[in-house]
Amino acid sequence: MEIRHLRYFLAVAEHGSVAEAARKLNIVQPALSRQIHDLEEQLGTQLFQRSIRGTQLTVAGAQFMKDCSKLLIDLEDAKKRALRAASGKLGSLRIGISPNHTAHPELLRRLRRFREIFPDVALMLEPALSPRQLLDVKEERMDGGFIAFRDLADKQLSGIKVLRSGLMLAVSSDHKYAGQPPDRLSEMKDEPCVWFPRDRAPEYHDYLIQQCMAAGLTPKQILVGTDVGSTLGMVAAGMGYSIVSEASKYNSPSGVVLHQHADIPDVHDVEFIFLSENDSPILRAFAEVMNDGGSHSKS
């Protein structure tokens, strides 16, 4: 059974006449009659009752007409969906995002813009630290991710710069430096510092240590938070200070005061990364929206 058989059947059912349907379809009547007969043979039942007054649907024919009409509508819809998917307008994306940046207004603006342009693409955002995102993207469990640090020599990945982020000193609201940070960051050397295990994010950990040492500060790492949320929670509880991304000002809990400090002036890039060989139209469309105001670099 082919799609043309269904179209021929619906034409005869609509016009109530093989002759009239043949004229509309621009085929000869005997050929159309043969196609209808073949269809009935394949189905094993009669679809029409023929008489001098034309053709009338049998009970089976009436049911088959309903099903065929729905089938052809579904087929047309499937064709449209396939074309939209090919142009990046339909489908789904699983995107990682570092916990530091889940509430960053610039990222939210670009995500909102993508949603407005591609409302039929299902977008799943999954908070994850950079090392896990890098692994999941490479193993294709994620389509892409927003991360702060990666090996730029890794040719498997392409990156689009979306943000520039600095560092801030985080203290509790009742800390002696809550109102005014110390003149030099090195004055915090005897204060307990809330840190995180290096294996959670090695590149970011080493970057923070490097920035602190450049400021003349060796953090007294007494307490350990597993991620930025728990770190800031411990700071709010008065358990120590921390050095965090300035993106934390958008999701910092109450009880935490964030200070910019001249001793930690460095800024770093936050990128949207994805597999260089991934040519998914949906992913490429997402990357184009994320590239708004940014620059694209292929490593």
C-alpha atoms as a PDB file:
ATOM      1  CA  MET A   1       0.000   0.000   0.000  1.00  0.00           C
ATOM      2  CA  GLU A   2       1.391   3.372  -1.010  1.00  0.00           C
ATOM      3  CA  ILE A   3       0.464   6.938  -0.144  1.00  0.00           C
ATOM      4  CA  ARG A   4      -0.942   7.465  -3.654  1.00  0.00           C
ATOM      5  CA  HIS A   5      -3.472   4.686  -3.032  1.00  0.00           C
ATOM      6  CA  LEU A   6      -4.793   6.627  -0.058  1.00  0.00           C
ATOM      7  CA  ARG A   7      -4.984   9.875  -2.012  1.00  0.00           C
ATOM      8  CA  TYR A   8      -6.834   8.136  -4.865  1.00  0.00           C
ATOM      9  CA  PHE A   9      -9.254   6.573  -2.393  1.00  0.00           C
ATOM     10  CA  LEU A  10      -9.992   9.913  -0.704  1.00  0.00           C
ATOM     11  CA  ALA A  11     -10.555  11.602  -4.066  1.00  0.00           C
ATOM     12  CA  VAL A  12     -13.167   8.995  -5.078  1.00  0.00           C
ATOM     13  CA  ALA A  13     -14.802   9.173  -1.644  1.00  0.00           C
ATOM     14  CA  GLU A  14     -14.938  12.986  -1.801  1.00  0.00           C
ATOM     15  CA  HIS A  15     -16.397  13.177  -5.322  1.00  0.00           C
ATOM     16  CA  GLY A  16     -18.617  10.094  -5.122  1.00  0.00           C
ATOM     17  CA  SER A  17     -17.566   9.175  -8.641  1.00  0.00           C
ATOM     18  CA  VAL A  18     -14.557   7.447 -10.125  1.00  0.00           C
ATOM     19  CA  ALA A  19     -14.948   9.437 -13.329  1.00  0.00           C
ATOM     20  CA  GLU A  20     -15.036  12.802 -11.521  1.00  0.00           C
ATOM     21  CA  ALA A  21     -12.109  11.854  -9.285  1.00  0.00           C
ATOM     22  CA  ALA A  22     -10.095  10.757 -12.329  1.00  0.00           C
ATOM     23  CA  ARG A  23     -10.642  14.168 -13.944  1.00  0.00           C
ATOM     24  CA  LYS A  24      -9.547  15.986 -10.783  1.00  0.00           C
ATOM     25  CA  LEU A  25      -6.478  13.761 -10.441  1.00  0.00           C
ATOM     26  CA  ASN A  26      -5.703  14.073 -14.149  1.00  0.00           C
ATOM     27  CA  ILE A  27      -5.464  10.319 -14.707  1.00  0.00           C
ATOM     28  CA  VAL A  28      -7.523   8.002 -16.877  1.00  0.00           C
ATOM     29  CA  GLN A  29     -10.589   6.399 -15.295  1.00  0.00           C
ATOM     30  CA  PRO A  30      -9.583   2.737 -15.887  1.00  0.00           C
ATOM     31  CA  ALA A  31      -6.254   3.320 -14.157  1.00  0.00           C
ATOM     32  CA  LEU A  32      -7.978   4.874 -11.128  1.00  0.00           C
ATOM     33  CA  SER A  33     -10.502   2.042 -10.970  1.00  0.00           C
ATOM     34  CA  ARG A  34      -7.638  -0.444 -11.013  1.00  0.00           C
ATOM     35  CA  GLN A  35      -5.850   1.365  -8.154  1.00  0.00           C
ATOM     36  CA  ILE A  36      -9.021   1.333  -6.023  1.00  0.00           C
ATOM     37  CA  HIS A  37      -9.541  -2.349  -6.780  1.00  0.00           C
ATOM     38  CA  ASP A  38      -5.923  -3.117  -5.805  1.00  0.00           C
ATOM     39  CA  LEU A  39      -6.424  -1.224  -2.527  1.00  0.00           C
ATOM     40  CA  GLU A  40      -9.545  -3.215  -1.712  1.00  0.00           C
ATOM     41  CA  GLU A  41      -7.665  -6.424  -2.499  1.00  0.00           C
ATOM     42  CA  GLN A  42      -4.876  -5.450  -0.112  1.00  0.00           C
ATOM     43  CA  LEU A  43      -7.330  -4.566   2.644  1.00  0.00           C
ATOM     44  CA  GLY A  44      -9.438  -7.634   2.060  1.00  0.00           C
ATOM     45  CA  THR A  45     -12.712  -5.715   2.084  1.00  0.00           C
ATOM     46  CA  GLN A  46     -14.890  -3.630  -0.190  1.00  0.00           C
ATOM     47  CA  LEU A  47     -14.628   0.117   0.290  1.00  0.00           C
ATOM     48  CA  PHE A  48     -17.264   1.268  -2.207  1.00  0.00           C
ATOM     49  CA  GLN A  49     -20.636   0.140  -3.432  1.00  0.00           C
ATOM     50  CA  ARG A  50     -20.930   0.881  -7.146  1.00  0.00           C
ATOM     51  CA  SER A  51     -24.219   1.756  -8.804  1.00  0.00           C
ATOM     52  CA  ILE A  52     -25.512   3.795 -11.724  1.00  0.00           C
ATOM     53  CA  ARG A  53     -25.751   6.722  -9.321  1.00  0.00           C
ATOM     54  CA  GLY A  54     -22.009   6.592  -8.580  1.00  0.00           C
ATOM     55  CA  THR A  55     -19.970   5.155  -5.713  1.00  0.00           C
ATOM     56  CA  GLN A  56     -20.936   5.123  -2.076  1.00  0.00           C
ATOM     57  CA  LEU A  57     -18.771   4.253   0.879  1.00  0.00           C
ATOM     58  CA  THR A  58     -19.362   1.004   2.681  1.00  0.00           C
ATOM     59  CA  VAL A  59     -19.172   0.890   6.476  1.00  0.00           C
ATOM     60  CA  ALA A  60     -15.558  -0.202   6.140  1.00  0.00           C
ATOM     61  CA  GLY A  61     -14.951   2.542   3.573  1.00  0.00           C
ATOM     62  CA  ALA A  62     -16.352   5.240   5.870  1.00  0.00           C
ATOM     63  CA  GLN A  63     -14.035   4.148   8.687  1.00  0.00           C
ATOM     64  CA  PHE A  64     -11.082   3.893   6.336  1.00  0.00           C
ATOM     65  CA  MET A  65     -11.789   7.426   5.079  1.00  0.00           C
ATOM     66  CA  LYS A  66     -11.590   8.820   8.638  1.00  0.00           C
ATOM     67  CA  ASP A  67      -8.327   7.007   9.300  1.00  0.00           C
ATOM     68  CA  CYS A  68      -6.804   7.959   5.938  1.00  0.00           C
ATOM     69  CA  SER A  69      -7.653  11.626   6.415  1.00  0.00           C
ATOM     70  CA  LYS A  70      -5.983  11.636   9.815  1.00  0.00           C
ATOM     71  CA  LEU A  71      -2.992   9.694   8.476  1.00  0.00           C
ATOM     72  CA  LEU A  72      -2.371  12.166   5.644  1.00  0.00           C
ATOM     73  CA  ILE A  73      -2.693  15.125   8.023  1.00  0.00           C
ATOM     74  CA  ASP A  74      -0.187  13.460  10.377  1.00  0.00           C
ATOM     75  CA  LEU A  75       2.113  12.770   7.434  1.00  0.00           C
ATOM     76  CA  GLU A  76       2.020  16.414   6.371  1.00  0.00           C
ATOM     77  CA  ASP A  77       2.695  17.502   9.958  1.00  0.00           C
ATOM     78  CA  ALA A  78       5.611  15.054  10.151  1.00  0.00           C
ATOM     79  CA  LYS A  79       7.050  16.541   6.974  1.00  0.00           C
ATOM     80  CA  LYS A  80       6.800  20.045   8.422  1.00  0.00           C
ATOM     81  CA  ARG A  81       8.415  18.933  11.696  1.00  0.00           C
ATOM     82  CA  ALA A  82      11.252  17.267   9.794  1.00  0.00           C
ATOM     83  CA  LEU A  83      11.923  20.454   7.854  1.00  0.00           C
ATOM     84  CA  ARG A  84      11.821  22.521  11.042  1.00  0.00           C
ATOM     85  CA  ALA A  85      14.220  20.121  12.753  1.00  0.00           C
ATOM     86  CA  ALA A  86      16.571  20.336   9.767  1.00  0.00           C
ATOM     87  CA  SER A  87      16.569  24.129  10.079  1.00  0.00           C
ATOM     88  CA  GLY A  88      17.139  24.024  13.859  1.00  0.00           C
ATOM     89  CA  LYS A  89      13.608  25.085  14.811  1.00  0.00           C
ATOM     90  CA  LEU A  90      12.470  21.862  16.469  1.00  0.00           C
ATOM     91  CA  GLY A  91      14.045  19.311  18.786  1.00  0.00           C
ATOM     92  CA  SER A  92      15.703  19.300  22.195  1.00  0.00           C
ATOM     93  CA  LEU A  93      18.980  20.383  23.769  1.00  0.00           C
ATOM     94  CA  ARG A  94      20.583  19.335  27.037  1.00  0.00           C
ATOM     95  CA  ILE A  95      22.880  22.108  28.227  1.00  0.00           C
ATOM     96  CA  GLY A  96      25.114  22.189  31.288  1.00  0.00           C
ATOM     97  CA  ILE A  97      25.638  25.342  33.309  1.00  0.00           C
ATOM     98  CA  SER A  98      28.025  25.999  36.175  1.00  0.00           C
ATOM     99  CA  PRO A  99      26.262  26.689  39.512  1.00  0.00           C
ATOM    100  CA  ASN A 100      27.951  30.107  39.630  1.00  0.00           C
ATOM    101  CA  HIS A 101      26.015  31.274  36.583  1.00  0.00           C
ATOM    102  CA  THR A 102      22.502  29.828  36.903  1.00  0.00           C
ATOM    103  CA  ALA A 103      21.068  33.258  37.774  1.00  0.00           C
ATOM    104  CA  HIS A 104      23.362  35.515  35.736  1.00  0.00           C
ATOM    105  CA  PRO A 105      21.127  38.082  33.976  1.00  0.00           C
ATOM    106  CA  GLU A 106      23.172  38.145  30.767  1.00  0.00           C
ATOM    107  CA  LEU A 107      22.932  34.382  30.344  1.00  0.00           C
ATOM    108  CA  LEU A 108      19.236  34.509  31.210  1.00  0.00           C
ATOM    109  CA  ARG A 109      18.730  37.226  28.582  1.00  0.00           C
ATOM    110  CA  ARG A 110      20.306  35.100  25.868  1.00  0.00           C
ATOM    111  CA  LEU A 111      18.410  31.993  26.947  1.00  0.00           C
ATOM    112  CA  ARG A 112      15.169  33.977  26.875  1.00  0.00           C
ATOM    113  CA  ARG A 113      15.999  35.248  23.394  1.00  0.00           C
ATOM    114  CA  PHE A 114      16.611  31.707  22.174  1.00  0.00           C
ATOM    115  CA  ARG A 115      13.261  30.654  23.623  1.00  0.00           C
ATOM    116  CA  GLU A 116      11.513  33.514  21.827  1.00  0.00           C
ATOM    117  CA  ILE A 117      13.103  32.626  18.469  1.00  0.00           C
ATOM    118  CA  PHE A 118      12.781  28.843  18.840  1.00  0.00           C
ATOM    119  CA  PRO A 119       9.718  28.215  21.038  1.00  0.00           C
ATOM    120  CA  ASP A 120       9.402  24.571  19.946  1.00  0.00           C
ATOM    121  CA  VAL A 121      12.895  23.522  21.018  1.00  0.00           C
ATOM    122  CA  ALA A 122      12.891  21.806  24.421  1.00  0.00           C
ATOM    123  CA  LEU A 123      15.802  23.262  26.407  1.00  0.00           C
ATOM    124  CA  MET A 124      17.026  21.355  29.466  1.00  0.00           C
ATOM    125  CA  LEU A 125      19.528  23.175  31.692  1.00  0.00           C
ATOM    126  CA  GLU A 126      21.523  21.040  34.112  1.00  0.00           C
ATOM    127  CA  PRO A 127      23.732  22.622  36.815  1.00  0.00           C
ATOM    128  CA  ALA A 128      27.147  20.937  36.838  1.00  0.00           C
ATOM    129  CA  LEU A 129      30.731  21.878  37.548  1.00  0.00           C
ATOM    130  CA  SER A 130      33.060  22.395  34.593  1.00  0.00           C
ATOM    131  CA  PRO A 131      34.914  19.030  34.734  1.00  0.00           C
ATOM    132  CA  ARG A 132      31.670  17.073  34.582  1.00  0.00           C
ATOM    133  CA  GLN A 133      30.332  19.252  31.774  1.00  0.00           C
ATOM    134  CA  LEU A 134      33.493  18.742  29.733  1.00  0.00           C
ATOM    135  CA  LEU A 135      33.230  14.971  30.162  1.00  0.00           C
ATOM    136  CA  ASP A 136      29.500  14.859  29.399  1.00  0.00           C
ATOM    137  CA  VAL A 137      29.874  17.004  26.284  1.00  0.00           C
ATOM    138  CA  LYS A 138      32.720  14.841  24.970  1.00  0.00           C
ATOM    139  CA  GLU A 139      30.727  11.668  25.656  1.00  0.00           C
ATOM    140  CA  GLU A 140      27.629  13.297  24.112  1.00  0.00           C
ATOM    141  CA  ARG A 141      25.475  13.116  27.236  1.00  0.00           C
ATOM    142  CA  MET A 142      25.212  16.901  26.954  1.00  0.00           C
ATOM    143  CA  ASP A 143      24.982  18.973  23.790  1.00  0.00           C
ATOM    144  CA  GLY A 144      26.969  21.847  25.259  1.00  0.00           C
ATOM    145  CA  GLY A 145      27.744  23.710  28.451  1.00  0.00           C
ATOM    146  CA  PHE A 146      28.584  27.032  30.076  1.00  0.00           C
ATOM    147  CA  ILE A 147      31.976  26.769  31.770  1.00  0.00           C
ATOM    148  CA  ALA A 148      34.707  29.071  33.020  1.00  0.00           C
ATOM    149  CA  PHE A 149      37.908  27.088  32.489  1.00  0.00           C
ATOM    150  CA  ARG A 150      39.062  24.536  29.920  1.00  0.00           C
ATOM    151  CA  ASP A 151      42.141  23.449  27.997  1.00  0.00           C
ATOM    152  CA  LEU A 152      42.176  25.726  24.959  1.00  0.00           C
ATOM    153  CA  ALA A 153      44.476  23.270  23.167  1.00  0.00           C
ATOM    154  CA  ASP A 154      41.727  20.631  23.152  1.00  0.00           C
ATOM    155  CA  LYS A 155      40.690  20.499  19.500  1.00  0.00           C
ATOM    156  CA  GLN A 156      37.596  18.420  20.246  1.00  0.00           C
ATOM    157  CA  LEU A 157      35.823  21.498  21.552  1.00  0.00           C
ATOM    158  CA  SER A 158      34.748  24.854  20.212  1.00  0.00           C
ATOM    159  CA  GLY A 159      33.922  27.755  22.487  1.00  0.00           C
ATOM    160  CA  ILE A 160      31.933  30.977  22.322  1.00  0.00           C
ATOM    161  CA  LYS A 161      32.787  33.666  24.864  1.00  0.00           C
ATOM    162  CA  VAL A 162      29.615  34.840  26.536  1.00  0.00           C
ATOM    163  CA  LEU A 163      30.821  36.600  29.716  1.00  0.00           C
ATOM    164  CA  ARG A 164      33.816  38.148  31.410  1.00  0.00           C
ATOM    165  CA  SER A 165      33.834  37.504  35.138  1.00  0.00           C
ATOM    166  CA  GLY A 166      35.961  38.747  38.009  1.00  0.00           C
ATOM    167  CA  LEU A 167      36.422  37.683  41.628  1.00  0.00           C
ATOM    168  CA  MET A 168      34.962  39.005  44.873  1.00  0.00           C
ATOM    169  CA  LEU A 169      35.652  38.673  48.566  1.00  0.00           C
ATOM    170  CA  ALA A 170      32.734  37.058  50.404  1.00  0.00           C
ATOM    171  CA  VAL A 171      32.216  37.616  54.137  1.00  0.00           C
ATOM    172  CA  SER A 172      29.272  37.244  56.490  1.00  0.00           C
ATOM    173  CA  SER A 173      27.074  40.271  57.156  1.00  0.00           C
ATOM    174  CA  ASP A 174      28.327  40.422  60.763  1.00  0.00           C
ATOM    175  CA  HIS A 175      32.012  40.060  59.836  1.00  0.00           C
ATOM    176  CA  LYS A 176      34.389  42.840  60.841  1.00  0.00           C
ATOM    177  CA  TYR A 177      35.017  43.505  57.138  1.00  0.00           C
ATOM    178  CA  ALA A 178      31.330  43.478  56.150  1.00  0.00           C
ATOM    179  CA  GLY A 179      31.144  47.273  55.956  1.00  0.00           C
ATOM    180  CA  GLN A 180      34.573  47.875  54.462  1.00  0.00           C
ATOM    181  CA  PRO A 181      37.026  45.288  53.090  1.00  0.00           C
ATOM    182  CA  PRO A 182      40.650  45.344  54.293  1.00  0.00           C
ATOM    183  CA  ASP A 183      43.036  47.608  52.431  1.00  0.00           C
ATOM    184  CA  ARG A 184      45.140  44.589  51.472  1.00  0.00           C
ATOM    185  CA  LEU A 185      43.796  41.101  50.969  1.00  0.00           C
ATOM    186  CA  SER A 186      46.831  39.725  52.814  1.00  0.00           C
ATOM    187  CA  GLU A 187      45.231  41.010  56.027  1.00  0.00           C
ATOM    188  CA  MET A 188      42.867  38.011  55.784  1.00  0.00           C
ATOM    189  CA  LYS A 189      45.743  35.522  56.244  1.00  0.00           C
ATOM    190  CA  ASP A 190      44.722  34.500  59.765  1.00  0.00           C
ATOM    191  CA  GLU A 191      41.000  34.343  59.017  1.00  0.00           C
ATOM    192  CA  PRO A 192      39.415  30.916  58.399  1.00  0.00           C
ATOM    193  CA  CYS A 193      38.695  30.422  54.724  1.00  0.00           C
ATOM    194  CA  VAL A 194      35.900  28.339  53.211  1.00  0.00           C
ATOM    195  CA  TRP A 195      37.280  26.532  50.171  1.00  0.00           C
ATOM    196  CA  PHE A 196      36.397  23.518  48.029  1.00  0.00           C
ATOM    197  CA  PRO A 197      38.221  20.277  47.185  1.00  0.00           C
ATOM    198  CA  ARG A 198      40.600  20.592  44.258  1.00  0.00           C
ATOM    199  CA  ASP A 199      39.234  17.487  42.551  1.00  0.00           C
ATOM    200  CA  ARG A 200      35.842  19.165  42.186  1.00  0.00           C
ATOM    201  CA  ALA A 201      37.239  21.746  39.739  1.00  0.00           C
ATOM    202  CA  PRO A 202      41.047  21.577  39.430  1.00  0.00           C
ATOM    203  CA  GLU A 203      41.513  24.438  36.945  1.00  0.00           C
ATOM    204  CA  TYR A 204      39.281  26.828  38.879  1.00  0.00           C
ATOM    205  CA  HIS A 205      40.861  25.809  42.199  1.00  0.00           C
ATOM    206  CA  ASP A 206      44.373  26.472  40.893  1.00  0.00           C
ATOM    207  CA  TYR A 207      43.279  29.763  39.330  1.00  0.00           C
ATOM    208  CA  LEU A 208      41.881  30.998  42.673  1.00  0.00           C
ATOM    209  CA  ILE A 209      45.005  29.961  44.559  1.00  0.00           C
ATOM    210  CA  GLN A 210      47.165  31.735  41.969  1.00  0.00           C
ATOM    211  CA  GLN A 211      45.144  34.944  42.298  1.00  0.00           C
ATOM    212  CA  CYS A 212      45.296  34.831  46.081  1.00  0.00           C
ATOM    213  CA  MET A 213      49.048  34.261  46.112  1.00  0.00           C
ATOM    214  CA  ALA A 214      49.520  37.136  43.647  1.00  0.00           C
ATOM    215  CA  ALA A 215      47.690  39.271  46.213  1.00  0.00           C
ATOM    216  CA  GLY A 216      50.045  38.103  48.963  1.00  0.00           C
ATOM    217  CA  LEU A 217      47.420  35.860  50.565  1.00  0.00           C
ATOM    218  CA  THR A 218      47.762  32.186  51.388  1.00  0.00           C
ATOM    219  CA  PRO A 219      44.209  31.139  52.340  1.00  0.00           C
ATOM    220  CA  LYS A 220      43.903  29.387  55.685  1.00  0.00           C
ATOM    221  CA  GLN A 221      41.713  26.604  54.326  1.00  0.00           C
ATOM    222  CA  ILE A 222      39.935  25.238  57.370  1.00  0.00           C
ATOM    223  CA  LEU A 223      36.433  24.515  56.108  1.00  0.00           C
ATOM    224  CA  VAL A 224      35.470  22.897  52.826  1.00  0.00           C
ATOM    225  CA  GLY A 225      32.336  23.527  50.767  1.00  0.00           C
ATOM    226  CA  THR A 226      31.389  21.132  47.986  1.00  0.00           C
ATOM    227  CA  ASP A 227      30.128  23.824  45.598  1.00  0.00           C
ATOM    228  CA  VAL A 228      29.430  27.549  45.457  1.00  0.00           C
ATOM    229  CA  GLY A 229      26.048  27.144  47.162  1.00  0.00           C
ATOM    230  CA  SER A 230      27.415  25.337  50.196  1.00  0.00           C
ATOM    231  CA  THR A 231      30.463  27.617  50.285  1.00  0.00           C
ATOM    232  CA  LEU A 232      28.334  30.759  50.446  1.00  0.00           C
ATOM    233  CA  GLY A 233      26.040  29.098  52.978  1.00  0.00           C
ATOM    234  CA  MET A 234      29.001  28.477  55.259  1.00  0.00           C
ATOM    235  CA  VAL A 235      30.152  32.067  54.776  1.00  0.00           C
ATOM    236  CA  ALA A 236      26.666  33.312  55.713  1.00  0.00           C
ATOM    237  CA  ALA A 237      26.832  31.175  58.863  1.00  0.00           C
ATOM    238  CA  GLY A 238      29.994  33.049  59.900  1.00  0.00           C
ATOM    239  CA  MET A 239      32.325  30.083  59.447  1.00  0.00           C
ATOM    240  CA  GLY A 240      34.833  32.003  57.368  1.00  0.00           C
ATOM    241  CA  TYR A 241      35.401  34.108  54.268  1.00  0.00           C
ATOM    242  CA  SER A 242      35.813  32.946  50.669  1.00  0.00           C
ATOM    243  CA  ILE A 243      36.912  34.189  47.266  1.00  0.00           C
ATOM    244  CA  VAL A 244      34.136  33.645  44.732  1.00  0.00           C
ATOM    245  CA  SER A 245      33.114  34.549  41.202  1.00  0.00           C
ATOM    246  CA  GLU A 246      31.418  37.920  40.884  1.00  0.00           C
ATOM    247  CA  ALA A 247      28.501  36.004  39.345  1.00  0.00           C
ATOM    248  CA  SER A 248      27.700  34.999  42.934  1.00  0.00           C
ATOM    249  CA  LYS A 249      26.122  38.401  43.492  1.00  0.00           C
ATOM    250  CA  TYR A 250      23.115  37.163  41.511  1.00  0.00           C
ATOM    251  CA  ASN A 251      22.442  34.096  43.658  1.00  0.00           C
ATOM    252  CA  SER A 252      24.143  34.837  46.951  1.00  0.00           C
ATOM    253  CA  PRO A 253      22.102  33.997  50.088  1.00  0.00           C
ATOM    254  CA  SER A 254      21.152  36.619  52.624  1.00  0.00           C
ATOM    255  CA  GLY A 255      23.791  37.056  55.251  1.00  0.00           C
ATOM    256  CA  VAL A 256      26.624  37.298  52.721  1.00  0.00           C
ATOM    257  CA  VAL A 257      28.398  40.533  51.777  1.00  0.00           C
ATOM    258  CA  LEU A 258      30.449  40.626  48.579  1.00  0.00           C
ATOM    259  CA  HIS A 259      33.286  43.091  48.036  1.00  0.00           C
ATOM    260  CA  GLN A 260      35.289  43.831  44.937  1.00  0.00           C
ATOM    261  CA  HIS A 261      38.945  44.234  45.820  1.00  0.00           C
ATOM    262  CA  ALA A 262      41.860  45.853  44.020  1.00  0.00           C
ATOM    263  CA  ASP A 263      44.139  42.936  44.973  1.00  0.00           C
ATOM    264  CA  ILE A 264      42.108  40.486  42.849  1.00  0.00           C
ATOM    265  CA  PRO A 265      41.588  42.462  39.622  1.00  0.00           C
ATOM    266  CA  ASP A 266      41.862  39.576  37.145  1.00  0.00           C
ATOM    267  CA  VAL A 267      38.905  38.628  34.958  1.00  0.00           C
ATOM    268  CA  HIS A 268      38.296  35.346  33.145  1.00  0.00           C
ATOM    269  CA  ASP A 269      36.128  34.186  30.278  1.00  0.00           C
ATOM    270  CA  VAL A 270      32.946  32.163  30.587  1.00  0.00           C
ATOM    271  CA  GLU A 271      32.255  30.199  27.427  1.00  0.00           C
ATOM    272  CA  PHE A 272      29.549  28.143  25.822  1.00  0.00           C
ATOM    273  CA  ILE A 273      31.378  25.010  24.679  1.00  0.00           C
ATOM    274  CA  PHE A 274      30.346  22.162  22.364  1.00  0.00           C
ATOM    275  CA  LEU A 275      31.915  19.433  20.243  1.00  0.00           C
ATOM    276  CA  SER A 276      33.536  20.940  17.161  1.00  0.00           C
ATOM    277  CA  GLU A 277      32.251  18.088  14.985  1.00  0.00           C
ATOM    278  CA  ASN A 278      28.653  18.383  16.206  1.00  0.00           C
ATOM    279  CA  ASP A 279      26.780  19.819  13.215  1.00  0.00           C
ATOM    280  CA  SER A 280      23.289  19.620  14.742  1.00  0.00           C
ATOM    281  CA  PRO A 281      21.224  22.502  13.281  1.00  0.00           C
ATOM    282  CA  ILE A 282      19.537  23.034  16.648  1.00  0.00           C
ATOM    283  CA  LEU A 283      22.854  23.248  18.483  1.00  0.00           C
ATOM    284  CA  ARG A 284      24.301  25.592  15.855  1.00  0.00           C
ATOM    285  CA  ALA A 285      21.219  27.815  16.141  1.00  0.00           C
ATOM    286  CA  PHE A 286      21.650  27.885  19.937  1.00  0.00           C
ATOM    287  CA  ALA A 287      25.328  28.755  19.555  1.00  0.00           C
ATOM    288  CA  GLU A 288      24.468  31.628  17.210  1.00  0.00           C
ATOM    289  CA  VAL A 289      22.112  33.136  19.790  1.00  0.00           C
ATOM    290  CA  MET A 290      24.704  32.661  22.544  1.00  0.00           C
ATOM    291  CA  ASN A 291      27.221  34.417  20.293  1.00  0.00           C
ATOM    292  CA  ASP A 292      25.236  37.644  20.582  1.00  0.00           C
ATOM    293  CA  GLY A 293      27.875  40.187  21.543  1.00  0.00           C
ATOM    294  CA  GLY A 294      30.527  37.483  21.944  1.00  0.00           C
ATOM    295  CA  SER A 295      33.252  36.007  19.786  1.00  0.00           C
ATOM    296  CA  HIS A 296      33.583  32.483  18.420  1.00  0.00           C
ATOM    297  CA  SER A 297      36.843  30.588  18.795  1.00  0.00           C
ATOM    298  CA  LYS A 298      37.659  27.110  17.567  1.00  0.00           C
ATOM    299  CA  SER A 299      40.487  25.423  19.416  1.00  0.00           C
END
